[in-house]
PDB file of all heavy atoms in Angstrom:
ATOM      1  N   ALA A   1     140.828 -75.122 -76.362  1.00  0.00           N
ATOM      2  CA  ALA A   1     140.037 -75.983 -75.602  1.00  0.00           C
ATOM      3  C   ALA A   1     138.664 -75.311 -75.253  1.00  0.00           C
ATOM      4  O   ALA A   1     137.653 -75.935 -75.092  1.00  0.00           O
ATOM      5  CB  ALA A   1     140.870 -76.328 -74.229  1.00  0.00           C
ATOM      6  N   VAL A   2     138.812 -73.897 -74.988  1.00  0.00           N
ATOM      7  CA  VAL A   2     137.531 -73.146 -74.802  1.00  0.00           C
ATOM      8  C   VAL A   2     136.722 -73.135 -75.932  1.00  0.00           C
ATOM      9  O   VAL A   2     135.339 -73.304 -75.846  1.00  0.00           O
ATOM     10  CB  VAL A   2     137.913 -71.656 -74.459  1.00  0.00           C
ATOM     11  CG1 VAL A   2     136.714 -70.864 -74.353  1.00  0.00           C
ATOM     12  CG2 VAL A   2     138.737 -71.603 -72.941  1.00  0.00           C
ATOM     13  N   LEU A   3     137.232 -72.958 -77.134  1.00  0.00           N
ATOM     14  CA  LEU A   3     136.392 -72.956 -78.430  1.00  0.00           C
ATOM     15  C   LEU A   3     135.622 -74.409 -78.484  1.00  0.00           C
ATOM     16  O   LEU A   3     134.460 -74.380 -78.813  1.00  0.00           O
ATOM     17  CB  LEU A   3     137.270 -72.706 -79.582  1.00  0.00           C
ATOM     18  CG  LEU A   3     136.502 -72.782 -80.920  1.00  0.00           C
ATOM     19  CD1 LEU A   3     135.457 -71.655 -81.019  1.00  0.00           C
ATOM     20  CD2 LEU A   3     137.486 -72.596 -82.116  1.00  0.00           C
ATOM     21  N   VAL A   4     136.406 -75.394 -78.278  1.00  0.00           N
ATOM     22  CA  VAL A   4     135.861 -76.764 -78.397  1.00  0.00           C
ATOM     23  C   VAL A   4     134.662 -76.985 -77.324  1.00  0.00           C
ATOM     24  O   VAL A   4     133.680 -77.427 -77.645  1.00  0.00           O
ATOM     25  CB  VAL A   4     136.849 -77.921 -78.266  1.00  0.00           C
ATOM     26  CG1 VAL A   4     136.180 -79.255 -78.069  1.00  0.00           C
ATOM     27  CG2 VAL A   4     137.842 -77.896 -79.497  1.00  0.00           C
ATOM     28  N   ALA A   5     134.959 -76.434 -76.209  1.00  0.00           N
ATOM     29  CA  ALA A   5     133.858 -76.574 -75.110  1.00  0.00           C
ATOM     30  C   ALA A   5     132.606 -75.788 -75.461  1.00  0.00           C
ATOM     31  O   ALA A   5     131.451 -76.263 -75.235  1.00  0.00           O
ATOM     32  CB  ALA A   5     134.431 -76.013 -73.813  1.00  0.00           C
ATOM     33  N   ARG A   6     132.764 -74.515 -76.078  1.00  0.00           N
ATOM     34  CA  ARG A   6     131.626 -73.867 -76.453  1.00  0.00           C
ATOM     35  C   ARG A   6     130.926 -74.543 -77.642  1.00  0.00           C
ATOM     36  O   ARG A   6     129.701 -74.484 -77.708  1.00  0.00           O
ATOM     37  CB  ARG A   6     132.094 -72.425 -76.904  1.00  0.00           C
ATOM     38  CG  ARG A   6     132.758 -71.618 -75.755  1.00  0.00           C
ATOM     39  CD  ARG A   6     131.614 -71.073 -74.765  1.00  0.00           C
ATOM     40  NE  ARG A   6     131.118 -69.865 -75.274  1.00  0.00           N
ATOM     41  CZ  ARG A   6     131.565 -68.700 -74.945  1.00  0.00           C
ATOM     42  NH1 ARG A   6     132.745 -68.634 -74.313  1.00  0.00           N
ATOM     43  NH2 ARG A   6     131.036 -67.597 -75.468  1.00  0.00           N
ATOM     44  N   ILE A   7     131.709 -75.078 -78.624  1.00  0.00           N
ATOM     45  CA  ILE A   7     131.093 -75.701 -79.744  1.00  0.00           C
ATOM     46  C   ILE A   7     130.278 -76.980 -79.187  1.00  0.00           C
ATOM     47  O   ILE A   7     129.118 -77.143 -79.610  1.00  0.00           O
ATOM     48  CB  ILE A   7     132.066 -76.360 -80.705  1.00  0.00           C
ATOM     49  CG1 ILE A   7     132.776 -75.092 -81.347  1.00  0.00           C
ATOM     50  CG2 ILE A   7     131.464 -77.241 -81.809  1.00  0.00           C
ATOM     51  CD1 ILE A   7     133.927 -75.498 -82.328  1.00  0.00           C
ATOM     52  N   ARG A   8     130.796 -77.800 -78.312  1.00  0.00           N
ATOM     53  CA  ARG A   8     130.046 -78.858 -77.685  1.00  0.00           C
ATOM     54  C   ARG A   8     128.815 -78.512 -76.997  1.00  0.00           C
ATOM     55  O   ARG A   8     127.854 -79.194 -77.004  1.00  0.00           O
ATOM     56  CB  ARG A   8     130.949 -79.778 -76.860  1.00  0.00           C
ATOM     57  CG  ARG A   8     132.163 -80.339 -77.728  1.00  0.00           C
ATOM     58  CD  ARG A   8     132.855 -81.526 -76.966  1.00  0.00           C
ATOM     59  NE  ARG A   8     134.014 -82.070 -77.632  1.00  0.00           N
ATOM     60  CZ  ARG A   8     133.895 -82.868 -78.706  1.00  0.00           C
ATOM     61  NH1 ARG A   8     132.800 -83.214 -79.255  1.00  0.00           N
ATOM     62  NH2 ARG A   8     135.115 -83.410 -79.282  1.00  0.00           N
ATOM     63  N   ALA A   9     129.008 -77.359 -76.212  1.00  0.00           N
ATOM     64  CA  ALA A   9     127.794 -76.887 -75.502  1.00  0.00           C
ATOM     65  C   ALA A   9     126.685 -76.541 -76.397  1.00  0.00           C
ATOM     66  O   ALA A   9     125.486 -76.958 -76.083  1.00  0.00           O
ATOM     67  CB  ALA A   9     128.227 -75.729 -74.625  1.00  0.00           C
ATOM     68  N   VAL A  10     126.959 -75.852 -77.473  1.00  0.00           N
ATOM     69  CA  VAL A  10     126.027 -75.526 -78.464  1.00  0.00           C
ATOM     70  C   VAL A  10     125.448 -76.680 -79.090  1.00  0.00           C
ATOM     71  O   VAL A  10     124.167 -76.842 -79.333  1.00  0.00           O
ATOM     72  CB  VAL A  10     126.462 -74.578 -79.512  1.00  0.00           C
ATOM     73  CG1 VAL A  10     125.587 -74.388 -80.677  1.00  0.00           C
ATOM     74  CG2 VAL A  10     126.897 -73.170 -78.955  1.00  0.00           C
ATOM     75  N   LEU A  11     126.231 -77.677 -79.519  1.00  0.00           N
ATOM     76  CA  LEU A  11     125.825 -78.869 -80.139  1.00  0.00           C
ATOM     77  C   LEU A  11     124.849 -79.725 -79.203  1.00  0.00           C
ATOM     78  O   LEU A  11     123.874 -80.211 -79.636  1.00  0.00           O
ATOM     79  CB  LEU A  11     126.985 -79.787 -80.545  1.00  0.00           C
ATOM     80  CG  LEU A  11     127.886 -79.160 -81.824  1.00  0.00           C
ATOM     81  CD1 LEU A  11     129.081 -79.947 -81.964  1.00  0.00           C
ATOM     82  CD2 LEU A  11     126.959 -79.106 -83.047  1.00  0.00           C
ATOM     83  N   ARG A  12     125.193 -79.736 -77.833  1.00  0.00           N
ATOM     84  CA  ARG A  12     124.228 -80.472 -76.992  1.00  0.00           C
ATOM     85  C   ARG A  12     122.868 -79.811 -77.020  1.00  0.00           C
ATOM     86  O   ARG A  12     121.902 -80.577 -76.909  1.00  0.00           O
ATOM     87  CB  ARG A  12     124.808 -80.482 -75.603  1.00  0.00           C
ATOM     88  CG  ARG A  12     125.987 -81.353 -75.319  1.00  0.00           C
ATOM     89  CD  ARG A  12     126.226 -81.641 -73.879  1.00  0.00           C
ATOM     90  NE  ARG A  12     126.718 -80.344 -73.243  1.00  0.00           N
ATOM     91  CZ  ARG A  12     128.095 -79.909 -73.239  1.00  0.00           C
ATOM     92  NH1 ARG A  12     128.980 -80.731 -73.806  1.00  0.00           N
ATOM     93  NH2 ARG A  12     128.405 -78.901 -72.659  1.00  0.00           N
ATOM     94  N   ARG A  13     122.814 -78.499 -77.219  1.00  0.00           N
ATOM     95  CA  ARG A  13     121.523 -77.860 -77.155  1.00  0.00           C
ATOM     96  C   ARG A  13     120.696 -78.238 -78.468  1.00  0.00           C
ATOM     97  O   ARG A  13     119.514 -78.154 -78.421  1.00  0.00           O
ATOM     98  CB  ARG A  13     121.577 -76.347 -77.004  1.00  0.00           C
ATOM     99  CG  ARG A  13     122.273 -75.822 -75.797  1.00  0.00           C
ATOM    100  CD  ARG A  13     121.992 -74.476 -75.418  1.00  0.00           C
ATOM    101  NE  ARG A  13     122.218 -73.474 -76.505  1.00  0.00           N
ATOM    102  CZ  ARG A  13     123.384 -72.921 -76.714  1.00  0.00           C
ATOM    103  NH1 ARG A  13     124.408 -73.165 -76.037  1.00  0.00           N
ATOM    104  NH2 ARG A  13     123.509 -72.039 -77.748  1.00  0.00           N
ATOM    105  N   PHE A  14     121.454 -78.557 -79.479  1.00  0.00           N
ATOM    106  CA  PHE A  14     120.795 -78.777 -80.805  1.00  0.00           C
ATOM    107  C   PHE A  14     120.655 -80.181 -81.166  1.00  0.00           C
ATOM    108  O   PHE A  14     120.298 -80.501 -82.201  1.00  0.00           O
ATOM    109  CB  PHE A  14     121.649 -77.991 -81.924  1.00  0.00           C
ATOM    110  CG  PHE A  14     121.349 -76.548 -82.036  1.00  0.00           C
ATOM    111  CD1 PHE A  14     121.764 -75.705 -80.962  1.00  0.00           C
ATOM    112  CD2 PHE A  14     120.728 -76.031 -83.033  1.00  0.00           C
ATOM    113  CE1 PHE A  14     121.512 -74.315 -80.993  1.00  0.00           C
ATOM    114  CE2 PHE A  14     120.459 -74.593 -83.155  1.00  0.00           C
ATOM    115  CZ  PHE A  14     120.911 -73.818 -82.191  1.00  0.00           C
ATOM    116  N   GLY A  15     120.813 -81.086 -80.218  1.00  0.00           N
ATOM    117  CA  GLY A  15     120.742 -82.543 -80.491  1.00  0.00           C
ATOM    118  C   GLY A  15     121.930 -83.224 -81.057  1.00  0.00           C
ATOM    119  O   GLY A  15     121.698 -84.261 -81.533  1.00  0.00           O
ATOM    120  N   HIS A  16     123.031 -82.648 -80.935  1.00  0.00           N
ATOM    121  CA  HIS A  16     124.358 -83.319 -81.442  1.00  0.00           C
ATOM    122  C   HIS A  16     125.257 -83.365 -80.159  1.00  0.00           C
ATOM    123  O   HIS A  16     125.188 -82.571 -79.177  1.00  0.00           O
ATOM    124  CB  HIS A  16     124.953 -82.416 -82.467  1.00  0.00           C
ATOM    125  CG  HIS A  16     124.227 -82.208 -83.699  1.00  0.00           C
ATOM    126  ND1 HIS A  16     124.107 -83.248 -84.760  1.00  0.00           N
ATOM    127  CD2 HIS A  16     123.526 -81.193 -84.091  1.00  0.00           C
ATOM    128  CE1 HIS A  16     123.370 -82.742 -85.629  1.00  0.00           C
ATOM    129  NE2 HIS A  16     122.937 -81.623 -85.304  1.00  0.00           N
ATOM    130  N   ALA A  17     126.157 -84.341 -80.244  1.00  0.00           N
ATOM    131  CA  ALA A  17     127.197 -84.511 -79.092  1.00  0.00           C
ATOM    132  C   ALA A  17     128.433 -84.830 -79.622  1.00  0.00           C
ATOM    133  O   ALA A  17     129.159 -85.506 -79.166  1.00  0.00           O
ATOM    134  CB  ALA A  17     126.755 -85.716 -78.192  1.00  0.00           C
ATOM    135  N   GLY A  18     128.766 -84.190 -80.794  1.00  0.00           N
ATOM    136  CA  GLY A  18     130.092 -84.358 -81.342  1.00  0.00           C
ATOM    137  C   GLY A  18     130.351 -85.753 -81.749  1.00  0.00           C
ATOM    138  O   GLY A  18     131.515 -86.377 -81.574  1.00  0.00           O
ATOM    139  N   GLY A  19     129.395 -86.381 -82.398  1.00  0.00           N
ATOM    140  CA  GLY A  19     129.558 -87.875 -82.871  1.00  0.00           C
ATOM    141  C   GLY A  19     128.610 -88.698 -82.269  1.00  0.00           C
ATOM    142  O   GLY A  19     128.326 -89.784 -82.676  1.00  0.00           O
ATOM    143  N   GLY A  20     127.764 -88.238 -81.217  1.00  0.00           N
ATOM    144  CA  GLY A  20     126.780 -89.086 -80.551  1.00  0.00           C
ATOM    145  C   GLY A  20     125.391 -88.362 -80.548  1.00  0.00           C
ATOM    146  O   GLY A  20     125.365 -87.368 -81.214  1.00  0.00           O
ATOM    147  N   ARG A  21     124.538 -88.918 -79.842  1.00  0.00           N
ATOM    148  CA  ARG A  21     123.205 -88.258 -79.685  1.00  0.00           C
ATOM    149  C   ARG A  21     123.081 -87.541 -78.382  1.00  0.00           C
ATOM    150  O   ARG A  21     123.618 -88.134 -77.414  1.00  0.00           O
ATOM    151  CB  ARG A  21     122.079 -89.322 -79.843  1.00  0.00           C
ATOM    152  CG  ARG A  21     122.119 -90.126 -81.085  1.00  0.00           C
ATOM    153  CD  ARG A  21     121.966 -89.270 -82.341  1.00  0.00           C
ATOM    154  NE  ARG A  21     120.707 -88.501 -82.195  1.00  0.00           N
ATOM    155  CZ  ARG A  21     120.466 -87.571 -83.139  1.00  0.00           C
ATOM    156  NH1 ARG A  21     121.366 -87.205 -83.988  1.00  0.00           N
ATOM    157  NH2 ARG A  21     119.295 -87.051 -83.182  1.00  0.00           N
ATOM    158  N   ALA A  22     122.443 -86.470 -78.392  1.00  0.00           N
ATOM    159  CA  ALA A  22     122.341 -85.634 -77.129  1.00  0.00           C
ATOM    160  C   ALA A  22     120.876 -85.738 -76.620  1.00  0.00           C
ATOM    161  O   ALA A  22     119.956 -86.103 -77.341  1.00  0.00           O
ATOM    162  CB  ALA A  22     122.690 -84.123 -77.462  1.00  0.00           C
ATOM    163  N   GLU A  23     120.676 -85.276 -75.463  1.00  0.00           N
ATOM    164  CA  GLU A  23     119.343 -85.210 -74.943  1.00  0.00           C
ATOM    165  C   GLU A  23     118.532 -84.186 -75.510  1.00  0.00           C
ATOM    166  O   GLU A  23     118.989 -83.357 -76.253  1.00  0.00           O
ATOM    167  CB  GLU A  23     119.432 -84.906 -73.383  1.00  0.00           C
ATOM    168  CG  GLU A  23     119.873 -83.412 -73.064  1.00  0.00           C
ATOM    169  CD  GLU A  23     121.232 -83.098 -73.185  1.00  0.00           C
ATOM    170  OE1 GLU A  23     121.922 -84.069 -73.528  1.00  0.00           O
ATOM    171  OE2 GLU A  23     121.608 -81.985 -72.788  1.00  0.00           O
ATOM    172  N   GLU A  24     117.194 -84.601 -75.578  1.00  0.00           N
ATOM    173  CA  GLU A  24     116.177 -83.550 -76.056  1.00  0.00           C
ATOM    174  C   GLU A  24     116.131 -82.326 -75.125  1.00  0.00           C
ATOM    175  O   GLU A  24     116.495 -82.416 -74.019  1.00  0.00           O
ATOM    176  CB  GLU A  24     114.788 -84.154 -76.165  1.00  0.00           C
ATOM    177  CG  GLU A  24     114.647 -85.365 -77.118  1.00  0.00           C
ATOM    178  CD  GLU A  24     114.990 -84.813 -78.588  1.00  0.00           C
ATOM    179  OE1 GLU A  24     114.405 -83.882 -78.932  1.00  0.00           O
ATOM    180  OE2 GLU A  24     115.734 -85.592 -79.263  1.00  0.00           O
TER     181      GLU A  24
END
C-alpha cells in the first residue's frame, strides 16, 4: 500500500493519476 501511494504521488506530479488526468 505504501509503494502504491508513493507511485501515485509521483504520477500526480507528472500529470498522470493512475488512469486519469492530474492537475498541472
